[in-house]
Amino acid sequence: MALTVLRIVVSLVVLIGLAPLAEGLLRKFKAFIHSRQGPPITQPYLDLAKLLVKEDLDPPTSNWVWRMAPVLCLGATMMVAVLTPIGGPPAFGFGGDIIVFLYFATLAAVAIILGAFASGNPYAYVGGSREMMMMMSVEPVMTIALVVAAIKAHSLSFGGILASPATSQASISMAIAGVAFLLALQAQVGKMPFDIAEADQEIMAGPFIERSGPGLALFRWAMHARLLIFTAVLVTVFVPWGHTGNVAVDMLLTLVKMAVVLLLVGLVDVVNPRLRVDQAMAYYARIIVFVAVLALALAITGA
């Protein structure tokens, strides 16, 4: 029991506590590419601390949905964090499988949408609508990719997937599913060219335009954490090589692989302009048809 509690705490510290640091490193990397000095890597922590002590202003249409949305978003994200494998089975793996993982991941996005619709602001409504359309486009890609791993391992749990020889060895279906997951990652974490829901230059932060203070801080923290969570799933499930059996060493290796993926995410974020929502939906529709479904068909046939 004590070991389980310790693993849960470690998962929360790594995926939730270090998430703003990862965002700060990405900002520094983007500034380096632009030949700028950039903010300090601790700036996201400073931003969150400032927001947490500010007054939380409510719009005229404020209701319980508006007030609970940030708490629901961060709470669901924390639940996803303890269900996320980091160099080994999830800390709370006995409490849920990939279905539960996807449920809480979707719940966090739904909380953003509900909070936007409850604000009464037309820009927030547009941002919430875009978030909904992106969720409907991206979630199927990630779901199919994880289903491919589940079919190969004959298990819906991350622990079963990681322990299965079928997923720990290279295969065509897992490689294609990993590519699909990687292509969906950029939109799942709201980075360019899929920074469509917020789109600061168009709809001024979209679903968060009416947010201030602690409410905005909770949403921002959840968004930072999503970056680490889905990156950890990608490298643990689809790039499982390099495990030593030592928990600390395996976690360190996982963090190194995550850093490589984060640099790739930051590079794509820097060099691409924002897509229109219809372009993004068409892009992911093609991924579903030509990549994710292909990986699923190959997994079913045993490839």
Protein backbone atom coordinates (compact mmCIF):
# COMPACT_ATOMS: atom_id res chain seq x y z
CA MET A 1 0.00 0.00 0.00
CA ALA A 2 2.78 2.41 0.92
CA LEU A 3 4.59 1.63 -2.34
CA THR A 4 1.42 2.34 -4.33
CA VAL A 5 0.94 5.68 -2.59
CA LEU A 6 4.59 6.55 -3.27
CA ARG A 7 4.22 5.70 -6.97
CA ILE A 8 1.06 7.84 -7.19
CA VAL A 9 2.89 10.76 -5.59
CA VAL A 10 5.82 10.34 -7.99
CA SER A 11 3.45 10.28 -10.99
CA LEU A 12 1.75 13.46 -9.84
CA VAL A 13 5.06 15.20 -9.17
CA VAL A 14 6.50 14.24 -12.57
CA LEU A 15 3.43 14.76 -14.77
CA ILE A 16 1.66 17.56 -12.89
CA GLY A 17 4.37 19.24 -10.82
CA LEU A 18 7.00 19.33 -13.57
CA ALA A 19 4.55 20.21 -16.36
CA PRO A 20 5.10 24.01 -16.08
CA LEU A 21 8.86 23.38 -16.20
CA ALA A 22 8.44 21.46 -19.47
CA GLU A 23 6.44 24.37 -20.86
CA GLY A 24 9.18 26.77 -19.75
CA LEU A 25 11.83 24.69 -21.51
CA LEU A 26 9.73 24.67 -24.69
CA ARG A 27 9.43 28.46 -24.57
CA LYS A 28 13.19 28.73 -24.15
CA PHE A 29 13.72 26.38 -27.09
CA LYS A 30 11.37 28.43 -29.29
CA ALA A 31 13.17 31.63 -28.27
CA PHE A 32 16.51 30.03 -29.18
CA ILE A 33 15.23 29.17 -32.66
CA HIS A 34 14.02 32.77 -33.06
CA SER A 35 17.42 34.09 -31.86
CA ARG A 36 15.82 35.60 -28.76
CA GLN A 37 16.75 35.31 -25.09
CA GLY A 38 13.24 34.33 -24.08
CA PRO A 39 11.70 34.15 -20.59
CA PRO A 40 13.29 32.11 -17.79
CA ILE A 41 12.33 28.44 -17.71
CA THR A 42 10.53 29.06 -14.41
CA GLN A 43 8.21 31.67 -15.96
CA PRO A 44 5.19 29.29 -16.17
CA TYR A 45 5.47 28.72 -12.41
CA LEU A 46 5.58 32.48 -11.84
CA ASP A 47 2.56 32.97 -14.10
CA LEU A 48 0.56 30.32 -12.25
CA ALA A 49 1.55 31.73 -8.85
CA LYS A 50 0.44 35.21 -9.93
CA LEU A 51 -2.90 33.94 -11.19
CA LEU A 52 -3.55 31.89 -8.05
CA VAL A 53 -3.39 34.99 -5.82
CA LYS A 54 -5.44 37.24 -8.11
CA GLU A 55 -9.16 37.85 -7.83
CA ASP A 56 -11.28 35.43 -9.83
CA LEU A 57 -13.75 37.63 -11.70
CA ASP A 58 -17.07 36.10 -12.79
CA PRO A 59 -19.04 37.08 -15.92
CA PRO A 60 -22.69 38.13 -15.58
CA THR A 61 -23.77 34.64 -16.68
CA SER A 62 -21.72 32.95 -13.95
CA ASN A 63 -23.19 29.69 -12.65
CA TRP A 64 -22.01 26.46 -11.03
CA VAL A 65 -20.82 25.08 -14.37
CA TRP A 66 -18.57 28.11 -14.84
CA ARG A 67 -17.15 27.80 -11.32
CA MET A 68 -16.61 24.03 -11.36
CA ALA A 69 -15.15 23.72 -14.87
CA PRO A 70 -11.51 24.55 -13.91
CA VAL A 71 -11.60 22.19 -10.92
CA LEU A 72 -13.11 19.43 -13.06
CA CYS A 73 -10.48 19.96 -15.77
CA LEU A 74 -7.47 19.80 -13.45
CA GLY A 75 -9.02 17.00 -11.36
CA ALA A 76 -9.64 14.86 -14.44
CA THR A 77 -6.10 15.61 -15.64
CA MET A 78 -4.65 14.50 -12.30
CA MET A 79 -6.63 11.27 -12.59
CA VAL A 80 -5.21 10.76 -16.09
CA ALA A 81 -1.72 11.35 -14.68
CA VAL A 82 -1.94 8.48 -12.18
CA LEU A 83 -3.27 6.22 -14.96
CA THR A 84 -0.31 7.11 -17.23
CA PRO A 85 2.60 4.68 -17.58
CA ILE A 86 6.03 6.24 -17.00
CA GLY A 87 8.73 3.70 -17.70
CA GLY A 88 6.48 0.95 -16.36
CA PRO A 89 2.87 0.18 -15.38
CA PRO A 90 0.77 3.14 -14.17
CA ALA A 91 0.79 3.97 -10.47
CA PHE A 92 -3.01 3.57 -10.32
CA GLY A 93 -3.19 0.94 -13.05
CA PHE A 94 -5.33 -1.36 -10.90
CA GLY A 95 -8.00 1.35 -10.87
CA GLY A 96 -8.54 1.58 -14.62
CA ASP A 97 -7.44 0.61 -18.10
CA ILE A 98 -7.08 2.53 -21.37
CA ILE A 99 -10.87 3.01 -21.49
CA VAL A 100 -10.80 4.83 -18.15
CA PHE A 101 -7.71 6.74 -19.27
CA LEU A 102 -9.48 7.97 -22.42
CA TYR A 103 -12.64 8.76 -20.43
CA PHE A 104 -10.88 11.11 -18.02
CA ALA A 105 -8.75 12.62 -20.81
CA THR A 106 -11.95 13.44 -22.71
CA LEU A 107 -13.60 14.71 -19.52
CA ALA A 108 -10.83 17.30 -19.12
CA ALA A 109 -11.50 18.59 -22.65
CA VAL A 110 -15.26 18.59 -22.03
CA ALA A 111 -14.68 20.74 -18.93
CA ILE A 112 -12.97 23.36 -21.12
CA ILE A 113 -15.92 23.30 -23.54
CA LEU A 114 -18.54 23.57 -20.78
CA GLY A 115 -16.66 26.42 -19.12
CA ALA A 116 -16.51 28.30 -22.43
CA PHE A 117 -20.22 27.84 -23.14
CA ALA A 118 -21.11 28.93 -19.59
CA SER A 119 -19.22 32.23 -19.93
CA GLY A 120 -21.74 33.88 -22.24
CA ASN A 121 -18.93 35.43 -24.30
CA PRO A 122 -19.25 34.95 -28.09
CA TYR A 123 -15.48 34.56 -28.49
CA ALA A 124 -15.46 31.90 -25.76
CA TYR A 125 -18.36 30.17 -27.51
CA VAL A 126 -16.38 30.08 -30.77
CA GLY A 127 -13.33 28.77 -28.89
CA GLY A 128 -15.43 26.10 -27.18
CA SER A 129 -16.93 25.05 -30.52
CA ARG A 130 -13.45 24.76 -32.03
CA GLU A 131 -12.27 22.73 -29.03
CA MET A 132 -15.22 20.39 -29.54
CA MET A 133 -14.48 19.93 -33.24
CA MET A 134 -10.79 19.28 -32.57
CA MET A 135 -11.67 16.78 -29.83
CA MET A 136 -13.97 14.92 -32.23
CA SER A 137 -11.18 14.84 -34.83
CA VAL A 138 -8.20 13.94 -32.63
CA GLU A 139 -9.66 11.61 -30.00
CA PRO A 140 -10.51 8.86 -32.55
CA VAL A 141 -6.90 8.82 -33.76
CA MET A 142 -5.48 8.33 -30.28
CA THR A 143 -8.21 5.84 -29.39
CA ILE A 144 -7.52 3.68 -32.45
CA ALA A 145 -3.77 3.83 -31.80
CA LEU A 146 -4.24 2.57 -28.22
CA VAL A 147 -6.74 -0.06 -29.39
CA VAL A 148 -4.06 -1.36 -31.76
CA ALA A 149 -1.73 -1.84 -28.77
CA ALA A 150 -4.56 -3.50 -26.81
CA ILE A 151 -5.26 -5.93 -29.67
CA LYS A 152 -1.58 -6.84 -29.98
CA ALA A 153 -1.28 -7.44 -26.23
CA HIS A 154 -4.75 -8.97 -25.77
CA SER A 155 -5.19 -6.62 -22.81
CA LEU A 156 -6.88 -3.29 -22.17
CA SER A 157 -4.58 -2.37 -19.28
CA PHE A 158 -1.35 -0.45 -19.74
CA GLY A 159 0.37 -2.99 -17.51
CA GLY A 160 -0.73 -5.84 -19.77
CA ILE A 161 0.32 -3.92 -22.87
CA LEU A 162 3.79 -3.21 -21.49
CA ALA A 163 4.26 -6.80 -20.30
CA SER A 164 3.24 -8.36 -23.61
CA PRO A 165 6.03 -9.61 -25.92
CA ALA A 166 3.86 -8.66 -28.92
CA THR A 167 4.06 -4.95 -28.10
CA SER A 168 7.64 -4.92 -26.81
CA GLN A 169 8.91 -6.16 -30.18
CA ALA A 170 8.90 -4.15 -33.39
CA SER A 171 5.86 -4.68 -35.61
CA ILE A 172 4.33 -2.89 -38.58
CA SER A 173 0.98 -2.21 -36.88
CA MET A 174 2.57 -0.76 -33.72
CA ALA A 175 4.91 1.42 -35.77
CA ILE A 176 2.03 2.85 -37.81
CA ALA A 177 -0.10 3.31 -34.67
CA GLY A 178 2.80 5.14 -33.01
CA VAL A 179 3.07 7.49 -36.00
CA ALA A 180 -0.68 8.16 -35.80
CA PHE A 181 -0.40 8.90 -32.07
CA LEU A 182 2.53 11.24 -32.70
CA LEU A 183 0.61 13.11 -35.41
CA ALA A 184 -2.33 13.53 -33.03
CA LEU A 185 -0.13 14.70 -30.15
CA GLN A 186 0.42 18.19 -31.58
CA ALA A 187 -3.30 18.92 -31.63
CA GLN A 188 -4.03 17.17 -28.34
CA VAL A 189 -1.72 19.57 -26.49
CA GLY A 190 -2.87 22.67 -28.41
CA LYS A 191 0.40 23.55 -30.15
CA MET A 192 0.88 25.10 -33.58
CA PRO A 193 -0.35 24.48 -36.21
CA PHE A 194 -3.33 23.25 -34.18
CA ASP A 195 -3.56 26.14 -31.70
CA ILE A 196 -7.06 26.66 -33.05
CA ALA A 197 -9.28 26.76 -29.97
CA GLU A 198 -7.37 29.62 -28.29
CA ALA A 199 -6.03 31.41 -31.41
CA ASP A 200 -4.90 34.56 -29.57
CA GLN A 201 -4.64 36.66 -32.74
CA GLU A 202 -8.16 35.67 -33.86
CA ILE A 203 -10.44 35.07 -30.87
CA MET A 204 -8.23 36.26 -28.01
CA ALA A 205 -7.68 33.03 -26.03
CA GLY A 206 -11.03 31.58 -27.08
CA PRO A 207 -12.54 29.44 -24.30
CA PHE A 208 -10.43 31.24 -21.66
CA ILE A 209 -11.18 34.83 -22.66
CA GLU A 210 -13.39 35.46 -19.59
CA ARG A 211 -11.05 33.63 -17.23
CA SER A 212 -8.80 35.28 -14.67
CA GLY A 213 -7.20 34.39 -11.39
CA PRO A 214 -7.26 30.84 -9.96
CA GLY A 215 -9.73 29.55 -12.56
CA LEU A 216 -7.37 30.42 -15.42
CA ALA A 217 -4.43 29.02 -13.44
CA LEU A 218 -6.11 25.61 -13.08
CA PHE A 219 -6.91 25.48 -16.79
CA ARG A 220 -3.36 26.49 -17.74
CA TRP A 221 -1.84 23.93 -15.40
CA ALA A 222 -4.04 21.20 -16.87
CA MET A 223 -2.99 22.21 -20.40
CA HIS A 224 0.69 22.07 -19.41
CA ALA A 225 0.17 18.61 -17.87
CA ARG A 226 -1.51 17.23 -20.99
CA LEU A 227 1.75 17.82 -22.85
CA LEU A 228 3.71 15.53 -20.53
CA ILE A 229 0.94 12.95 -20.10
CA PHE A 230 0.39 12.17 -23.77
CA THR A 231 4.12 12.32 -24.48
CA ALA A 232 4.69 9.74 -21.71
CA VAL A 233 2.04 7.45 -23.21
CA LEU A 234 3.62 7.77 -26.66
CA VAL A 235 7.17 6.86 -25.63
CA THR A 236 6.14 4.18 -23.10
CA VAL A 237 3.64 2.29 -25.26
CA PHE A 238 4.97 2.81 -28.78
CA VAL A 239 8.71 3.23 -28.08
CA PRO A 240 9.09 0.68 -25.27
CA TRP A 241 12.71 -0.28 -25.90
CA GLY A 242 15.48 0.32 -23.40
CA HIS A 243 13.86 -1.08 -20.26
CA THR A 244 16.34 -2.38 -17.70
CA GLY A 245 14.02 -3.65 -14.98
CA ASN A 246 15.19 -0.94 -12.59
CA VAL A 247 12.29 1.44 -11.93
CA ALA A 248 14.45 4.55 -11.43
CA VAL A 249 16.61 3.89 -14.51
CA ASP A 250 13.57 3.08 -16.66
CA MET A 251 11.86 6.30 -15.57
CA LEU A 252 15.01 8.28 -16.38
CA LEU A 253 15.19 6.70 -19.84
CA THR A 254 11.51 7.50 -20.36
CA LEU A 255 12.12 11.14 -19.43
CA VAL A 256 14.97 11.30 -21.96
CA LYS A 257 12.72 9.92 -24.71
CA MET A 258 10.00 12.37 -23.66
CA ALA A 259 12.48 15.25 -23.96
CA VAL A 260 13.25 14.24 -27.56
CA VAL A 261 9.53 14.20 -28.43
CA LEU A 262 8.99 17.56 -26.70
CA LEU A 263 11.77 19.10 -28.79
CA LEU A 264 10.04 17.79 -31.91
CA VAL A 265 6.73 19.27 -30.72
CA GLY A 266 8.44 22.61 -30.07
CA LEU A 267 10.10 22.60 -33.49
CA VAL A 268 6.79 21.94 -35.28
CA ASP A 269 5.19 24.66 -33.14
CA VAL A 270 7.78 27.21 -34.26
CA VAL A 271 7.96 26.58 -38.00
CA ASN A 272 4.27 26.17 -38.86
CA PRO A 273 1.44 28.71 -39.14
CA ARG A 274 -1.95 28.01 -37.62
CA LEU A 275 -4.35 25.95 -39.71
CA ARG A 276 -8.02 26.72 -40.15
CA VAL A 277 -10.34 24.42 -38.27
CA ASP A 278 -11.66 22.85 -41.49
CA GLN A 279 -8.08 22.16 -42.65
CA ALA A 280 -7.25 20.53 -39.32
CA MET A 281 -10.37 18.35 -39.38
CA ALA A 282 -9.66 17.25 -42.96
CA TYR A 283 -6.05 16.47 -41.99
CA TYR A 284 -7.09 14.21 -39.12
CA ALA A 285 -9.83 12.60 -41.18
CA ARG A 286 -7.12 11.49 -43.61
CA ILE A 287 -4.99 10.20 -40.73
CA ILE A 288 -7.93 8.15 -39.43
CA VAL A 289 -8.66 6.66 -42.85
CA PHE A 290 -5.15 6.08 -44.16
CA VAL A 291 -3.01 5.62 -41.03
CA ALA A 292 -4.95 4.67 -37.90
CA VAL A 293 -7.38 2.29 -39.59
CA LEU A 294 -4.51 0.69 -41.51
CA ALA A 295 -2.70 0.05 -38.22
CA LEU A 296 -5.90 -1.42 -36.76
CA ALA A 297 -6.39 -3.74 -39.75
CA LEU A 298 -2.77 -4.93 -39.56
CA ALA A 299 -3.08 -5.56 -35.81
CA ILE A 300 -6.20 -7.66 -36.33
CA THR A 301 -4.39 -9.74 -38.95
CA GLY A 302 -1.41 -10.18 -36.63
CA ALA A 303 1.10 -7.98 -38.47
